[in-house]
C-alpha atoms as a PDB file:
ATOM      1  CA  UNK A   1      94.038 107.983 109.144  1.00  0.00           C
ATOM      2  CA  UNK A   2      96.992 106.566 107.249  1.00  0.00           C
ATOM      3  CA  UNK A   3      96.344 103.728 104.856  1.00  0.00           C
ATOM      4  CA  UNK A   4      95.934 100.188 106.070  1.00  0.00           C
ATOM      5  CA  UNK A   5      98.740  99.066 103.759  1.00  0.00           C
ATOM      6  CA  UNK A   6     101.209 100.848 106.035  1.00  0.00           C
ATOM      7  CA  UNK A   7      99.942  99.151 109.199  1.00  0.00           C
ATOM      8  CA  UNK A   8      99.925  95.762 107.455  1.00  0.00           C
ATOM      9  CA  UNK A   9     103.740  95.941 107.352  1.00  0.00           C
ATOM     10  CA  UNK A  10     104.087  95.922 111.135  1.00  0.00           C
ATOM     11  CA  UNK A  11     106.429  93.101 112.102  1.00  0.00           C
ATOM     12  CA  UNK A  12     104.091  91.632 114.728  1.00  0.00           C
ATOM     13  CA  UNK A  13     101.146  91.606 112.303  1.00  0.00           C
ATOM     14  CA  UNK A  14     103.220  90.067 109.508  1.00  0.00           C
ATOM     15  CA  UNK A  15     104.459  87.331 111.843  1.00  0.00           C
ATOM     16  CA  UNK A  16     100.930  86.630 113.096  1.00  0.00           C
ATOM     17  CA  UNK A  17      99.613  86.480 109.509  1.00  0.00           C
ATOM     18  CA  UNK A  18     102.346  83.987 108.583  1.00  0.00           C
ATOM     19  CA  UNK A  19     101.405  81.865 111.583  1.00  0.00           C
ATOM     20  CA  UNK A  20      97.778  81.839 110.402  1.00  0.00           C
ATOM     21  CA  UNK A  21      98.878  80.817 106.911  1.00  0.00           C
ATOM     22  CA  UNK A  22     101.108  78.047 108.310  1.00  0.00           C
ATOM     23  CA  UNK A  23      98.246  76.737 110.470  1.00  0.00           C
ATOM     24  CA  UNK A  24      95.974  76.705 107.401  1.00  0.00           C
ATOM     25  CA  UNK A  25      98.564  74.682 105.480  1.00  0.00           C
ATOM     26  CA  UNK A  26      98.817  72.210 108.381  1.00  0.00           C
ATOM     27  CA  UNK A  27      95.055  71.676 108.160  1.00  0.00           C
ATOM     28  CA  UNK A  28      95.260  71.157 104.408  1.00  0.00           C
ATOM     29  CA  UNK A  29      98.088  68.637 104.772  1.00  0.00           C
ATOM     30  CA  UNK A  30      96.267  66.681 107.478  1.00  0.00           C
ATOM     31  CA  UNK A  31      93.062  66.596 105.418  1.00  0.00           C
ATOM     32  CA  UNK A  32      94.986  65.196 102.471  1.00  0.00           C
ATOM     33  CA  UNK A  33      96.322  62.390 104.704  1.00  0.00           C
ATOM     34  CA  UNK A  34      92.732  61.389 105.518  1.00  0.00           C
ATOM     35  CA  UNK A  35      91.931  60.804 101.839  1.00  0.00           C
ATOM     36  CA  UNK A  36      92.584  57.474 100.160  1.00  0.00           C
ATOM     37  CA  UNK A  37      95.854  57.327  98.265  1.00  0.00           C
ATOM     38  CA  UNK A  38      95.641  55.761  94.821  1.00  0.00           C
ATOM     39  CA  UNK A  39      98.823  55.115  92.916  1.00  0.00           C
ATOM     40  CA  UNK A  40      99.516  53.412  89.642  1.00  0.00           C
ATOM     41  CA  UNK A  41     102.767  51.605  88.999  1.00  0.00           C
ATOM     42  CA  UNK A  42     104.103  50.127  85.821  1.00  0.00           C
ATOM     43  CA  UNK A  43     107.038  47.838  85.162  1.00  0.00           C
ATOM     44  CA  UNK A  44     108.555  46.812  81.885  1.00  0.00           C
ATOM     45  CA  UNK A  45     111.585  44.746  81.011  1.00  0.00           C
ATOM     46  CA  UNK A  46     113.138  41.770  79.287  1.00  0.00           C
ATOM     47  CA  UNK A  47     113.471  38.209  80.509  1.00  0.00           C
ATOM     48  CA  UNK A  48     115.572  35.847  78.494  1.00  0.00           C
ATOM     49  CA  UNK A  49     115.613  32.183  79.300  1.00  0.00           C
ATOM     50  CA  UNK A  50     118.295  30.353  77.420  1.00  0.00           C
ATOM     51  CA  UNK A  51     119.788  31.747  74.279  1.00  0.00           C
ATOM     52  CA  UNK A  52     117.996  33.875  71.801  1.00  0.00           C
ATOM     53  CA  UNK A  53     117.215  37.444  70.938  1.00  0.00           C
ATOM     54  CA  UNK A  54     116.277  39.464  74.049  1.00  0.00           C
ATOM     55  CA  UNK A  55     114.272  41.903  71.948  1.00  0.00           C
ATOM     56  CA  UNK A  56     111.795  39.322  70.646  1.00  0.00           C
ATOM     57  CA  UNK A  57     108.214  39.479  71.836  1.00  0.00           C
ATOM     58  CA  UNK A  58     108.374  36.391  74.148  1.00  0.00           C
ATOM     59  CA  UNK A  59     111.368  37.921  76.002  1.00  0.00           C
ATOM     60  CA  UNK A  60     109.501  41.091  76.897  1.00  0.00           C
ATOM     61  CA  UNK A  61     107.575  41.415  80.132  1.00  0.00           C
ATOM     62  CA  UNK A  62     105.172  44.084  81.327  1.00  0.00           C
ATOM     63  CA  UNK A  63     103.346  44.670  84.569  1.00  0.00           C
ATOM     64  CA  UNK A  64     100.839  47.410  85.463  1.00  0.00           C
ATOM     65  CA  UNK A  65      99.092  47.569  88.784  1.00  0.00           C
ATOM     66  CA  UNK A  66      97.138  50.005  90.911  1.00  0.00           C
ATOM     67  CA  UNK A  67      97.693  50.436  94.636  1.00  0.00           C
ATOM     68  CA  UNK A  68      95.142  51.794  97.077  1.00  0.00           C
ATOM     69  CA  UNK A  69      96.041  52.968 100.555  1.00  0.00           C
ATOM     70  CA  UNK A  70      93.321  53.757 103.085  1.00  0.00           C
ATOM     71  CA  UNK A  71      93.956  55.333 106.461  1.00  0.00           C
ATOM     72  CA  UNK A  72      92.025  52.578 108.236  1.00  0.00           C
ATOM     73  CA  UNK A  73      94.185  52.216 111.304  1.00  0.00           C
ATOM     74  CA  UNK A  74      95.461  55.829 111.416  1.00  0.00           C
ATOM     75  CA  UNK A  75      92.059  57.457 110.871  1.00  0.00           C
ATOM     76  CA  UNK A  76      91.440  58.258 114.533  1.00  0.00           C
ATOM     77  CA  UNK A  77      94.902  59.697 115.002  1.00  0.00           C
ATOM     78  CA  UNK A  78      94.572  61.761 111.828  1.00  0.00           C
ATOM     79  CA  UNK A  79      91.122  63.103 112.829  1.00  0.00           C
ATOM     80  CA  UNK A  80      92.514  64.066 116.249  1.00  0.00           C
ATOM     81  CA  UNK A  81      95.473  65.737 114.561  1.00  0.00           C
ATOM     82  CA  UNK A  82      93.056  67.600 112.251  1.00  0.00           C
ATOM     83  CA  UNK A  83      91.027  68.788 115.249  1.00  0.00           C
ATOM     84  CA  UNK A  84      94.245  69.956 116.915  1.00  0.00           C
ATOM     85  CA  UNK A  85      95.299  71.841 113.775  1.00  0.00           C
ATOM     86  CA  UNK A  86      91.815  73.410 113.544  1.00  0.00           C
ATOM     87  CA  UNK A  87      92.151  74.615 117.142  1.00  0.00           C
ATOM     88  CA  UNK A  88      95.640  75.974 116.428  1.00  0.00           C
ATOM     89  CA  UNK A  89      94.290  77.794 113.382  1.00  0.00           C
ATOM     90  CA  UNK A  90      91.438  79.341 115.388  1.00  0.00           C
ATOM     91  CA  UNK A  91      93.910  80.425 118.062  1.00  0.00           C
ATOM     92  CA  UNK A  92      96.226  82.030 115.492  1.00  0.00           C
ATOM     93  CA  UNK A  93      93.328  83.856 113.809  1.00  0.00           C
ATOM     94  CA  UNK A  94      92.101  85.160 117.181  1.00  0.00           C
ATOM     95  CA  UNK A  95      95.638  86.287 118.062  1.00  0.00           C
ATOM     96  CA  UNK A  96      96.029  88.036 114.700  1.00  0.00           C
ATOM     97  CA  UNK A  97      92.653  89.760 115.074  1.00  0.00           C
ATOM     98  CA  UNK A  98      93.567  90.902 118.587  1.00  0.00           C
ATOM     99  CA  UNK A  99      96.901  92.294 117.404  1.00  0.00           C
ATOM    100  CA  UNK A 100      95.227  94.045 114.483  1.00  0.00           C
ATOM    101  CA  UNK A 101      92.565  95.646 116.688  1.00  0.00           C
ATOM    102  CA  UNK A 102      95.186  96.760 119.214  1.00  0.00           C
ATOM    103  CA  UNK A 103      97.338  98.209 116.414  1.00  0.00           C
ATOM    104  CA  UNK A 104      94.406 100.082 114.879  1.00  0.00           C
ATOM    105  CA  UNK A 105      93.388 101.444 118.285  1.00  0.00           C
ATOM    106  CA  UNK A 106      96.959 102.566 118.935  1.00  0.00           C
ATOM    107  CA  UNK A 107      97.169 104.313 115.560  1.00  0.00           C
ATOM    108  CA  UNK A 108      93.771 105.934 116.088  1.00  0.00           C
ATOM    109  CA  UNK A 109      94.797 107.188 119.540  1.00  0.00           C
ATOM    110  CA  UNK A 110      98.052 108.641 118.195  1.00  0.00           C
ATOM    111  CA  UNK A 111      96.308 110.343 115.248  1.00  0.00           C
ATOM    112  CA  UNK A 112      93.711 111.872 117.604  1.00  0.00           C
ATOM    113  CA  UNK A 113      96.410 113.028 120.016  1.00  0.00           C
ATOM    114  CA  UNK A 114      98.393 114.553 117.153  1.00  0.00           C
ATOM    115  CA  UNK A 115      95.336 116.445 115.884  1.00  0.00           C
ATOM    116  CA  UNK A 116      94.602 117.703 119.411  1.00  0.00           C
ATOM    117  CA  UNK A 117      98.162 118.946 119.947  1.00  0.00           C
ATOM    118  CA  UNK A 118      98.112 120.703 116.577  1.00  0.00           C
ATOM    119  CA  UNK A 119      94.924 122.546 117.573  1.00  0.00           C
ATOM    120  CA  UNK A 120      96.483 123.491 120.920  1.00  0.00           C
ATOM    121  CA  UNK A 121      99.584 124.823 119.138  1.00  0.00           C
ATOM    122  CA  UNK A 122      97.424 126.942 116.825  1.00  0.00           C
ATOM    123  CA  UNK A 123      95.499 128.377 119.805  1.00  0.00           C
ATOM    124  CA  UNK A 124      98.687 129.015 121.763  1.00  0.00           C
ATOM    125  CA  UNK A 125     100.265 130.823 118.781  1.00  0.00           C
ATOM    126  CA  UNK A 126      97.267 133.162 118.743  1.00  0.00           C
ATOM    127  CA  UNK A 127      97.742 133.674 122.495  1.00  0.00           C
ATOM    128  CA  UNK A 128     101.440 134.384 121.839  1.00  0.00           C
ATOM    129  CA  UNK A 129     100.524 137.007 119.242  1.00  0.00           C
ATOM    130  CA  UNK A 130      98.099 138.627 121.705  1.00  0.00           C
ATOM    131  CA  UNK A 131     100.784 138.591 124.432  1.00  0.00           C
ATOM    132  CA  UNK A 132     103.289 140.151 122.013  1.00  0.00           C
ATOM    133  CA  UNK A 133     100.827 142.903 121.150  1.00  0.00           C
ATOM    134  CA  UNK A 134     100.106 143.434 124.853  1.00  0.00           C
ATOM    135  CA  UNK A 135     103.826 143.655 125.597  1.00  0.00           C
ATOM    136  CA  UNK A 136     104.346 146.166 122.752  1.00  0.00           C
ATOM    137  CA  UNK A 137     101.438 148.249 124.084  1.00  0.00           C
ATOM    138  CA  UNK A 138     102.829 148.056 127.651  1.00  0.00           C
ATOM    139  CA  UNK A 139     106.288 149.187 126.491  1.00  0.00           C
ATOM    140  CA  UNK A 140     104.739 152.067 124.516  1.00  0.00           C
ATOM    141  CA  UNK A 141     102.636 153.079 127.527  1.00  0.00           C
ATOM    142  CA  UNK A 142     105.716 152.952 129.800  1.00  0.00           C
ATOM    143  CA  UNK A 143     107.778 155.024 127.368  1.00  0.00           C
ATOM    144  CA  UNK A 144     104.910 157.508 127.118  1.00  0.00           C
ATOM    145  CA  UNK A 145     104.728 157.768 130.890  1.00  0.00           C
ATOM    146  CA  UNK A 146     101.244 156.297 131.122  1.00  0.00           C
ATOM    147  CA  UNK A 147     102.246 153.262 133.229  1.00  0.00           C
ATOM    148  CA  UNK A 148     104.886 152.193 135.681  1.00  0.00           C
ATOM    149  CA  UNK A 149     107.879 149.917 134.973  1.00  0.00           C
ATOM    150  CA  UNK A 150     106.073 146.850 136.292  1.00  0.00           C
ATOM    151  CA  UNK A 151     103.461 146.765 133.515  1.00  0.00           C
ATOM    152  CA  UNK A 152     105.887 145.887 130.657  1.00  0.00           C
ATOM    153  CA  UNK A 153     107.550 143.273 132.856  1.00  0.00           C
ATOM    154  CA  UNK A 154     104.236 141.538 133.557  1.00  0.00           C
ATOM    155  CA  UNK A 155     103.369 141.653 129.843  1.00  0.00           C
ATOM    156  CA  UNK A 156     106.806 140.238 128.977  1.00  0.00           C
ATOM    157  CA  UNK A 157     106.293 137.422 131.489  1.00  0.00           C
ATOM    158  CA  UNK A 158     103.002 136.503 129.805  1.00  0.00           C
ATOM    159  CA  UNK A 159     104.752 136.488 126.410  1.00  0.00           C
ATOM    160  CA  UNK A 160     107.516 134.213 127.711  1.00  0.00           C
ATOM    161  CA  UNK A 161     104.955 131.829 129.232  1.00  0.00           C
ATOM    162  CA  UNK A 162     103.132 131.611 125.884  1.00  0.00           C
ATOM    163  CA  UNK A 163     106.415 130.902 124.064  1.00  0.00           C
ATOM    164  CA  UNK A 164     107.347 128.246 126.633  1.00  0.00           C
ATOM    165  CA  UNK A 165     103.948 126.578 126.211  1.00  0.00           C
ATOM    166  CA  UNK A 166     104.397 126.514 122.427  1.00  0.00           C
ATOM    167  CA  UNK A 167     107.809 124.870 122.780  1.00  0.00           C
ATOM    168  CA  UNK A 168     106.362 122.240 125.138  1.00  0.00           C
ATOM    169  CA  UNK A 169     103.461 121.547 122.776  1.00  0.00           C
ATOM    170  CA  UNK A 170     105.813 121.224 119.800  1.00  0.00           C
ATOM    171  CA  UNK A 171     107.893 118.776 121.831  1.00  0.00           C
ATOM    172  CA  UNK A 172     104.713 116.789 122.565  1.00  0.00           C
ATOM    173  CA  UNK A 173     103.874 116.871 118.859  1.00  0.00           C
ATOM    174  CA  UNK A 174     107.266 115.389 118.001  1.00  0.00           C
ATOM    175  CA  UNK A 175     106.837 112.656 120.641  1.00  0.00           C
ATOM    176  CA  UNK A 176     103.365 111.783 119.378  1.00  0.00           C
ATOM    177  CA  UNK A 177     104.624 111.699 115.784  1.00  0.00           C
ATOM    178  CA  UNK A 178     107.329 109.227 116.816  1.00  0.00           C
ATOM    179  CA  UNK A 179     104.770 107.082 118.643  1.00  0.00           C
ATOM    180  CA  UNK A 180     102.544 107.184 115.538  1.00  0.00           C
ATOM    181  CA  UNK A 181     105.414 106.005 113.353  1.00  0.00           C
ATOM    182  CA  UNK A 182     106.075 103.237 115.873  1.00  0.00           C
ATOM    183  CA  UNK A 183     102.377 102.279 115.958  1.00  0.00           C
ATOM    184  CA  UNK A 184     102.351 102.068 112.168  1.00  0.00           C
ATOM    185  CA  UNK A 185     105.464  99.922 112.143  1.00  0.00           C
ATOM    186  CA  UNK A 186     107.558 102.515 110.316  1.00  0.00           C
ATOM    187  CA  UNK A 187     107.296 103.652 106.739  1.00  0.00           C
ATOM    188  CA  UNK A 188     105.201 106.727 107.503  1.00  0.00           C
ATOM    189  CA  UNK A 189     106.355 110.311 107.413  1.00  0.00           C
ATOM    190  CA  UNK A 190     104.360 113.279 108.632  1.00  0.00           C
ATOM    191  CA  UNK A 191     104.633 115.991 105.960  1.00  0.00           C
ATOM    192  CA  UNK A 192     102.723 118.688 107.804  1.00  0.00           C
END
């Protein structure tokens, strides 16, 4: 079976994987909103009352202060939003898994069908060779006077039927190869 790296490039699987990643980032963002937010702010400057040098120590002013924000009133909304994002994530993962399983089954079916058609072509080519030998023998027997004119015609008909079957099987093989490429999402070439 072709490598999983080829099937991972299917457009529907890539899109589903991106949706899973986006849902995971939504969960992470919502969880971060539930945490307390601590910030530190600092302020520095000069205040000059009256006349004097603004760079002197009494003219300077500094202020440093922490700020703490708790999601006290938004906690319920944020927990509900987190539960919603968790459900979305689970849905996206289930959808991705379903698409992946369907894609792998499709690829497996196409690979099996391709192997089956190849075996049928090999068997039919042996039948074609037998029909060709039978036709040659029938023509030789007719030319030697050992059989009537109908015998080579019947042998030729069998040869033509075998050749027609081979052409049909090769057409099926091409169709299955195209469906396999489609199932893999492109990027695969059959070198046999």
